[in-house]
Amino acid sequence: AEEEAVAGLFYALKFRQYKNAKQLNPRDH
């Protein structure tokens, strides 16, 4: 639950194209 919710935040940052957000890996524990 915690990891999925965090992944959701990562995807939001990527969706809004924040600089360096590509470095976030929603699959990386």
PDB file of all heavy atoms in Angstrom:
ATOM      1  N   ALA A   1       0.844  -1.203   0.000  1.00  0.00           N
ATOM      2  CA  ALA A   1       0.000   0.000   0.000  1.00  0.00           C
ATOM      3  C   ALA A   1       0.875   1.247   0.000  1.00  0.00           C
ATOM      4  O   ALA A   1       0.646   2.193  -0.770  1.00  0.00           O
ATOM      5  CB  ALA A   1      -0.913  -0.004   1.226  1.00  0.00           C
ATOM      6  N   GLU A   2       1.884   1.259   0.868  1.00  0.00           N
ATOM      7  CA  GLU A   2       2.784   2.405   0.942  1.00  0.00           C
ATOM      8  C   GLU A   2       3.534   2.581  -0.374  1.00  0.00           C
ATOM      9  O   GLU A   2       3.616   3.691  -0.919  1.00  0.00           O
ATOM     10  CB  GLU A   2       3.772   2.215   2.087  1.00  0.00           C
ATOM     11  CG  GLU A   2       4.767   3.346   2.228  1.00  0.00           C
ATOM     12  CD  GLU A   2       5.710   3.152   3.415  1.00  0.00           C
ATOM     13  OE1 GLU A   2       5.276   2.574   4.437  1.00  0.00           O
ATOM     14  OE2 GLU A   2       6.875   3.582   3.302  1.00  0.00           O
ATOM     15  N   GLU A   3       4.061   1.484  -0.925  1.00  0.00           N
ATOM     16  CA  GLU A   3       4.856   1.584  -2.152  1.00  0.00           C
ATOM     17  C   GLU A   3       3.996   2.024  -3.340  1.00  0.00           C
ATOM     18  O   GLU A   3       4.444   2.823  -4.169  1.00  0.00           O
ATOM     19  CB  GLU A   3       5.531   0.252  -2.449  1.00  0.00           C
ATOM     20  CG  GLU A   3       6.663  -0.083  -1.495  1.00  0.00           C
ATOM     21  CD  GLU A   3       7.610  -1.121  -2.058  1.00  0.00           C
ATOM     22  OE1 GLU A   3       7.299  -1.711  -3.121  1.00  0.00           O
ATOM     23  OE2 GLU A   3       8.667  -1.357  -1.453  1.00  0.00           O
ATOM     24  N   GLU A   4       2.783   1.528  -3.438  1.00  0.00           N
ATOM     25  CA  GLU A   4       1.904   1.923  -4.546  1.00  0.00           C
ATOM     26  C   GLU A   4       1.539   3.395  -4.450  1.00  0.00           C
ATOM     27  O   GLU A   4       1.499   4.107  -5.454  1.00  0.00           O
ATOM     28  CB  GLU A   4       0.631   1.073  -4.538  1.00  0.00           C
ATOM     29  CG  GLU A   4       0.705  -0.192  -5.372  1.00  0.00           C
ATOM     30  CD  GLU A   4       0.670   0.116  -6.861  1.00  0.00           C
ATOM     31  OE1 GLU A   4       1.744   0.441  -7.417  1.00  0.00           O
ATOM     32  OE2 GLU A   4      -0.406   0.038  -7.470  1.00  0.00           O
ATOM     33  N   ALA A   5       1.269   3.855  -3.234  1.00  0.00           N
ATOM     34  CA  ALA A   5       0.929   5.266  -3.055  1.00  0.00           C
ATOM     35  C   ALA A   5       2.112   6.157  -3.414  1.00  0.00           C
ATOM     36  O   ALA A   5       1.945   7.196  -4.067  1.00  0.00           O
ATOM     37  CB  ALA A   5       0.475   5.516  -1.614  1.00  0.00           C
ATOM     38  N   VAL A   6       3.318   5.755  -3.010  1.00  0.00           N
ATOM     39  CA  VAL A   6       4.520   6.516  -3.357  1.00  0.00           C
ATOM     40  C   VAL A   6       4.722   6.528  -4.870  1.00  0.00           C
ATOM     41  O   VAL A   6       5.050   7.565  -5.463  1.00  0.00           O
ATOM     42  CB  VAL A   6       5.758   5.929  -2.647  1.00  0.00           C
ATOM     43  CG1 VAL A   6       7.036   6.538  -3.214  1.00  0.00           C
ATOM     44  CG2 VAL A   6       5.674   6.167  -1.147  1.00  0.00           C
ATOM     45  N   ALA A   7       4.510   5.379  -5.510  1.00  0.00           N
ATOM     46  CA  ALA A   7       4.628   5.314  -6.970  1.00  0.00           C
ATOM     47  C   ALA A   7       3.677   6.308  -7.623  1.00  0.00           C
ATOM     48  O   ALA A   7       4.006   6.937  -8.637  1.00  0.00           O
ATOM     49  CB  ALA A   7       4.345   3.898  -7.460  1.00  0.00           C
ATOM     50  N   GLY A   8       2.495   6.474  -7.038  1.00  0.00           N
ATOM     51  CA  GLY A   8       1.535   7.443  -7.575  1.00  0.00           C
ATOM     52  C   GLY A   8       2.085   8.851  -7.563  1.00  0.00           C
ATOM     53  O   GLY A   8       1.887   9.616  -8.520  1.00  0.00           O
ATOM     54  N   LEU A   9       2.800   9.211  -6.493  1.00  0.00           N
ATOM     55  CA  LEU A   9       3.418  10.537  -6.428  1.00  0.00           C
ATOM     56  C   LEU A   9       4.527  10.655  -7.474  1.00  0.00           C
ATOM     57  O   LEU A   9       4.654  11.686  -8.145  1.00  0.00           O
ATOM     58  CB  LEU A   9       3.980  10.779  -5.029  1.00  0.00           C
ATOM     59  CG  LEU A   9       4.708  12.106  -4.817  1.00  0.00           C
ATOM     60  CD1 LEU A   9       3.808  13.298  -5.139  1.00  0.00           C
ATOM     61  CD2 LEU A   9       5.234  12.209  -3.391  1.00  0.00           C
ATOM     62  N   PHE A  10       5.320   9.586  -7.635  1.00  0.00           N
ATOM     63  CA  PHE A  10       6.372   9.608  -8.658  1.00  0.00           C
ATOM     64  C   PHE A  10       5.770   9.850 -10.044  1.00  0.00           C
ATOM     65  O   PHE A  10       6.289  10.654 -10.832  1.00  0.00           O
ATOM     66  CB  PHE A  10       7.135   8.285  -8.660  1.00  0.00           C
ATOM     67  CG  PHE A  10       8.066   8.079  -7.495  1.00  0.00           C
ATOM     68  CD1 PHE A  10       8.787   6.900  -7.377  1.00  0.00           C
ATOM     69  CD2 PHE A  10       8.228   9.045  -6.514  1.00  0.00           C
ATOM     70  CE1 PHE A  10       9.655   6.692  -6.324  1.00  0.00           C
ATOM     71  CE2 PHE A  10       9.082   8.846  -5.444  1.00  0.00           C
ATOM     72  CZ  PHE A  10       9.803   7.661  -5.357  1.00  0.00           C
ATOM     73  N   TYR A  11       4.678   9.151 -10.338  1.00  0.00           N
ATOM     74  CA  TYR A  11       4.043   9.308 -11.653  1.00  0.00           C
ATOM     75  C   TYR A  11       3.503  10.723 -11.840  1.00  0.00           C
ATOM     76  O   TYR A  11       3.531  11.261 -12.948  1.00  0.00           O
ATOM     77  CB  TYR A  11       2.933   8.286 -11.836  1.00  0.00           C
ATOM     78  CG  TYR A  11       3.421   6.888 -12.144  1.00  0.00           C
ATOM     79  CD1 TYR A  11       3.076   5.809 -11.325  1.00  0.00           C
ATOM     80  CD2 TYR A  11       4.221   6.642 -13.251  1.00  0.00           C
ATOM     81  CE1 TYR A  11       3.526   4.521 -11.604  1.00  0.00           C
ATOM     82  CE2 TYR A  11       4.675   5.355 -13.537  1.00  0.00           C
ATOM     83  CZ  TYR A  11       4.321   4.302 -12.716  1.00  0.00           C
ATOM     84  OH  TYR A  11       4.770   3.025 -12.994  1.00  0.00           O
ATOM     85  N   ALA A  12       3.003  11.326 -10.770  1.00  0.00           N
ATOM     86  CA  ALA A  12       2.509  12.706 -10.868  1.00  0.00           C
ATOM     87  C   ALA A  12       3.647  13.669 -11.207  1.00  0.00           C
ATOM     88  O   ALA A  12       3.484  14.574 -12.036  1.00  0.00           O
ATOM     89  CB  ALA A  12       1.834  13.123  -9.559  1.00  0.00           C
ATOM     90  N   LEU A  13       4.807  13.469 -10.589  1.00  0.00           N
ATOM     91  CA  LEU A  13       5.960  14.325 -10.870  1.00  0.00           C
ATOM     92  C   LEU A  13       6.431  14.137 -12.311  1.00  0.00           C
ATOM     93  O   LEU A  13       6.809  15.100 -12.988  1.00  0.00           O
ATOM     94  CB  LEU A  13       7.097  14.006  -9.890  1.00  0.00           C
ATOM     95  CG  LEU A  13       6.837  14.412  -8.440  1.00  0.00           C
ATOM     96  CD1 LEU A  13       7.827  13.727  -7.498  1.00  0.00           C
ATOM     97  CD2 LEU A  13       6.914  15.921  -8.265  1.00  0.00           C
ATOM     98  N   LYS A  14       6.393  12.915 -12.790  1.00  0.00           N
ATOM     99  CA  LYS A  14       6.763  12.648 -14.174  1.00  0.00           C
ATOM    100  C   LYS A  14       5.729  13.245 -15.132  1.00  0.00           C
ATOM    101  O   LYS A  14       6.086  13.830 -16.162  1.00  0.00           O
ATOM    102  CB  LYS A  14       6.877  11.137 -14.410  1.00  0.00           C
ATOM    103  CG  LYS A  14       8.078  10.472 -13.747  1.00  0.00           C
ATOM    104  CD  LYS A  14       7.994   8.964 -13.896  1.00  0.00           C
ATOM    105  CE  LYS A  14       9.227   8.267 -13.372  1.00  0.00           C
ATOM    106  NZ  LYS A  14      10.415   8.464 -14.239  1.00  0.00           N
ATOM    107  N   PHE A  15       4.451  13.103 -14.788  1.00  0.00           N
ATOM    108  CA  PHE A  15       3.368  13.608 -15.634  1.00  0.00           C
ATOM    109  C   PHE A  15       3.495  15.114 -15.825  1.00  0.00           C
ATOM    110  O   PHE A  15       3.264  15.633 -16.925  1.00  0.00           O
ATOM    111  CB  PHE A  15       2.022  13.252 -14.987  1.00  0.00           C
ATOM    112  CG  PHE A  15       0.823  13.667 -15.786  1.00  0.00           C
ATOM    113  CD1 PHE A  15       0.376  12.896 -16.842  1.00  0.00           C
ATOM    114  CD2 PHE A  15       0.122  14.819 -15.462  1.00  0.00           C
ATOM    115  CE1 PHE A  15      -0.743  13.271 -17.583  1.00  0.00           C
ATOM    116  CE2 PHE A  15      -0.997  15.205 -16.187  1.00  0.00           C
ATOM    117  CZ  PHE A  15      -1.431  14.426 -17.256  1.00  0.00           C
ATOM    118  N   ARG A  16       3.881  15.816 -14.757  1.00  0.00           N
ATOM    119  CA  ARG A  16       4.033  17.275 -14.829  1.00  0.00           C
ATOM    120  C   ARG A  16       5.438  17.680 -15.273  1.00  0.00           C
ATOM    121  O   ARG A  16       5.767  18.860 -15.291  1.00  0.00           O
ATOM    122  CB  ARG A  16       3.689  17.898 -13.481  1.00  0.00           C
ATOM    123  CG  ARG A  16       2.198  17.894 -13.175  1.00  0.00           C
ATOM    124  CD  ARG A  16       1.421  18.571 -14.277  1.00  0.00           C
ATOM    125  NE  ARG A  16      -0.016  18.558 -14.083  1.00  0.00           N
ATOM    126  CZ  ARG A  16      -0.888  18.871 -15.031  1.00  0.00           C
ATOM    127  NH1 ARG A  16      -0.461  19.187 -16.247  1.00  0.00           N
ATOM    128  NH2 ARG A  16      -2.176  18.846 -14.802  1.00  0.00           N
ATOM    129  N   GLN A  17       6.242  16.700 -15.619  1.00  0.00           N
ATOM    130  CA  GLN A  17       7.550  16.926 -16.234  1.00  0.00           C
ATOM    131  C   GLN A  17       8.471  17.809 -15.386  1.00  0.00           C
ATOM    132  O   GLN A  17       9.126  18.721 -15.888  1.00  0.00           O
ATOM    133  CB  GLN A  17       7.379  17.511 -17.642  1.00  0.00           C
ATOM    134  CG  GLN A  17       6.630  16.591 -18.573  1.00  0.00           C
ATOM    135  CD  GLN A  17       6.481  17.142 -19.981  1.00  0.00           C
ATOM    136  OE1 GLN A  17       6.631  18.334 -20.227  1.00  0.00           O
ATOM    137  NE2 GLN A  17       6.178  16.270 -20.927  1.00  0.00           N
ATOM    138  N   TYR A  18       8.517  17.510 -14.097  1.00  0.00           N
ATOM    139  CA  TYR A  18       9.485  18.192 -13.246  1.00  0.00           C
ATOM    140  C   TYR A  18      10.901  17.772 -13.657  1.00  0.00           C
ATOM    141  O   TYR A  18      11.136  16.619 -14.048  1.00  0.00           O
ATOM    142  CB  TYR A  18       9.228  17.870 -11.772  1.00  0.00           C
ATOM    143  CG  TYR A  18       8.165  18.743 -11.159  1.00  0.00           C
ATOM    144  CD1 TYR A  18       6.822  18.402 -11.262  1.00  0.00           C
ATOM    145  CD2 TYR A  18       8.498  19.917 -10.505  1.00  0.00           C
ATOM    146  CE1 TYR A  18       5.835  19.216 -10.729  1.00  0.00           C
ATOM    147  CE2 TYR A  18       7.524  20.743  -9.960  1.00  0.00           C
ATOM    148  CZ  TYR A  18       6.189  20.385 -10.081  1.00  0.00           C
ATOM    149  OH  TYR A  18       5.220  21.208  -9.556  1.00  0.00           O
ATOM    150  N   LYS A  19      11.809  18.720 -13.581  1.00  0.00           N
ATOM    151  CA  LYS A  19      13.188  18.441 -13.954  1.00  0.00           C
ATOM    152  C   LYS A  19      13.753  17.322 -13.086  1.00  0.00           C
ATOM    153  O   LYS A  19      13.578  17.318 -11.864  1.00  0.00           O
ATOM    154  CB  LYS A  19      14.038  19.707 -13.784  1.00  0.00           C
ATOM    155  CG  LYS A  19      15.465  19.545 -14.293  1.00  0.00           C
ATOM    156  CD  LYS A  19      16.238  20.850 -14.161  1.00  0.00           C
ATOM    157  CE  LYS A  19      17.665  20.678 -14.675  1.00  0.00           C
ATOM    158  NZ  LYS A  19      18.435  21.942 -14.563  1.00  0.00           N
ATOM    159  N   ASN A  20      14.405  16.371 -13.705  1.00  0.00           N
ATOM    160  CA  ASN A  20      15.025  15.206 -13.059  1.00  0.00           C
ATOM    161  C   ASN A  20      14.016  14.155 -12.599  1.00  0.00           C
ATOM    162  O   ASN A  20      14.414  13.135 -12.021  1.00  0.00           O
ATOM    163  CB  ASN A  20      15.900  15.618 -11.869  1.00  0.00           C
ATOM    164  CG  ASN A  20      17.076  16.483 -12.276  1.00  0.00           C
ATOM    165  OD1 ASN A  20      17.705  16.238 -13.309  1.00  0.00           O
ATOM    166  ND2 ASN A  20      17.372  17.515 -11.499  1.00  0.00           N
ATOM    167  N   ALA A  21      12.715  14.370 -12.836  1.00  0.00           N
ATOM    168  CA  ALA A  21      11.724  13.364 -12.429  1.00  0.00           C
ATOM    169  C   ALA A  21      11.941  12.038 -13.151  1.00  0.00           C
ATOM    170  O   ALA A  21      11.526  10.981 -12.651  1.00  0.00           O
ATOM    171  CB  ALA A  21      10.309  13.884 -12.685  1.00  0.00           C
ATOM    172  N   LYS A  22      12.611  12.079 -14.310  1.00  0.00           N
ATOM    173  CA  LYS A  22      12.907  10.842 -15.030  1.00  0.00           C
ATOM    174  C   LYS A  22      13.826   9.928 -14.228  1.00  0.00           C
ATOM    175  O   LYS A  22      13.901   8.722 -14.508  1.00  0.00           O
ATOM    176  CB  LYS A  22      13.544  11.157 -16.384  1.00  0.00           C
ATOM    177  CG  LYS A  22      12.590  11.805 -17.387  1.00  0.00           C
ATOM    178  CD  LYS A  22      13.292  12.055 -18.714  1.00  0.00           C
ATOM    179  CE  LYS A  22      12.323  12.688 -19.725  1.00  0.00           C
ATOM    180  NZ  LYS A  22      12.999  12.968 -21.022  1.00  0.00           N
ATOM    181  N   GLN A  23      14.527  10.500 -13.249  1.00  0.00           N
ATOM    182  CA  GLN A  23      15.422   9.702 -12.408  1.00  0.00           C
ATOM    183  C   GLN A  23      14.648   8.869 -11.384  1.00  0.00           C
ATOM    184  O   GLN A  23      15.220   7.963 -10.766  1.00  0.00           O
ATOM    185  CB  GLN A  23      16.409  10.616 -11.675  1.00  0.00           C
ATOM    186  CG  GLN A  23      17.345  11.387 -12.583  1.00  0.00           C
ATOM    187  CD  GLN A  23      18.339  10.493 -13.289  1.00  0.00           C
ATOM    188  OE1 GLN A  23      18.712   9.429 -12.788  1.00  0.00           O
ATOM    189  NE2 GLN A  23      18.771  10.909 -14.470  1.00  0.00           N
ATOM    190  N   LEU A  24      13.368   9.166 -11.184  1.00  0.00           N
ATOM    191  CA  LEU A  24      12.547   8.390 -10.250  1.00  0.00           C
ATOM    192  C   LEU A  24      12.101   7.098 -10.917  1.00  0.00           C
ATOM    193  O   LEU A  24      11.622   7.115 -12.044  1.00  0.00           O
ATOM    194  CB  LEU A  24      11.308   9.188  -9.830  1.00  0.00           C
ATOM    195  CG  LEU A  24      11.545  10.480  -9.048  1.00  0.00           C
ATOM    196  CD1 LEU A  24      10.242  11.271  -8.948  1.00  0.00           C
ATOM    197  CD2 LEU A  24      12.108  10.182  -7.668  1.00  0.00           C
ATOM    198  N   ASN A  25      12.250   6.006 -10.213  1.00  0.00           N
ATOM    199  CA  ASN A  25      11.827   4.705 -10.755  1.00  0.00           C
ATOM    200  C   ASN A  25      10.695   4.142  -9.898  1.00  0.00           C
ATOM    201  O   ASN A  25      10.932   3.645  -8.803  1.00  0.00           O
ATOM    202  CB  ASN A  25      13.001   3.730 -10.769  1.00  0.00           C
ATOM    203  CG  ASN A  25      12.654   2.420 -11.461  1.00  0.00           C
ATOM    204  OD1 ASN A  25      11.490   2.147 -11.765  1.00  0.00           O
ATOM    205  ND2 ASN A  25      13.654   1.611 -11.718  1.00  0.00           N
ATOM    206  N   PRO A  26       9.457   4.208 -10.390  1.00  0.00           N
ATOM    207  CA  PRO A  26       8.316   3.711  -9.595  1.00  0.00           C
ATOM    208  C   PRO A  26       8.351   2.210  -9.343  1.00  0.00           C
ATOM    209  O   PRO A  26       7.562   1.707  -8.545  1.00  0.00           O
ATOM    210  CB  PRO A  26       7.106   4.088 -10.471  1.00  0.00           C
ATOM    211  CG  PRO A  26       7.588   5.192 -11.350  1.00  0.00           C
ATOM    212  CD  PRO A  26       9.023   4.864 -11.626  1.00  0.00           C
ATOM    213  N   ARG A  27       9.259   1.497 -10.009  1.00  0.00           N
ATOM    214  CA  ARG A  27       9.379   0.049  -9.790  1.00  0.00           C
ATOM    215  C   ARG A  27      10.537  -0.304  -8.851  1.00  0.00           C
ATOM    216  O   ARG A  27      10.704  -1.478  -8.513  1.00  0.00           O
ATOM    217  CB  ARG A  27       9.575  -0.671 -11.135  1.00  0.00           C
ATOM    218  CG  ARG A  27       8.386  -0.546 -12.076  1.00  0.00           C
ATOM    219  CD  ARG A  27       8.656  -1.276 -13.384  1.00  0.00           C
ATOM    220  NE  ARG A  27       7.546  -1.181 -14.299  1.00  0.00           N
ATOM    221  CZ  ARG A  27       6.493  -1.993 -14.313  1.00  0.00           C
ATOM    222  NH1 ARG A  27       6.442  -2.983 -13.431  1.00  0.00           N
ATOM    223  NH2 ARG A  27       5.524  -1.844 -15.175  1.00  0.00           N
ATOM    224  N   ASP A  28      11.309   0.685  -8.473  1.00  0.00           N
ATOM    225  CA  ASP A  28      12.477   0.445  -7.636  1.00  0.00           C
ATOM    226  C   ASP A  28      12.078   0.515  -6.165  1.00  0.00           C
ATOM    227  O   ASP A  28      11.649   1.560  -5.674  1.00  0.00           O
ATOM    228  CB  ASP A  28      13.557   1.497  -7.949  1.00  0.00           C
ATOM    229  CG  ASP A  28      14.892   1.196  -7.285  1.00  0.00           C
ATOM    230  OD1 ASP A  28      14.909   0.943  -6.064  1.00  0.00           O
ATOM    231  OD2 ASP A  28      15.914   1.219  -7.989  1.00  0.00           O
ATOM    232  N   HIS A  29      12.241  -0.601  -5.453  1.00  0.00           N
ATOM    233  CA  HIS A  29      11.815  -0.654  -4.049  1.00  0.00           C
ATOM    234  C   HIS A  29      12.619   0.310  -3.179  1.00  0.00           C
ATOM    235  O   HIS A  29      12.093   0.850  -2.198  1.00  0.00           O
ATOM    236  CB  HIS A  29      11.949  -2.075  -3.498  1.00  0.00           C
ATOM    237  CG  HIS A  29      11.027  -3.056  -4.145  1.00  0.00           C
ATOM    238  ND1 HIS A  29       9.669  -2.863  -4.205  1.00  0.00           N
ATOM    239  CD2 HIS A  29      11.269  -4.240  -4.783  1.00  0.00           C
ATOM    240  CE1 HIS A  29       9.107  -3.890  -4.833  1.00  0.00           C
ATOM    241  NE2 HIS A  29      10.061  -4.727  -5.197  1.00  0.00           N
TER     242      HIS A  29
END
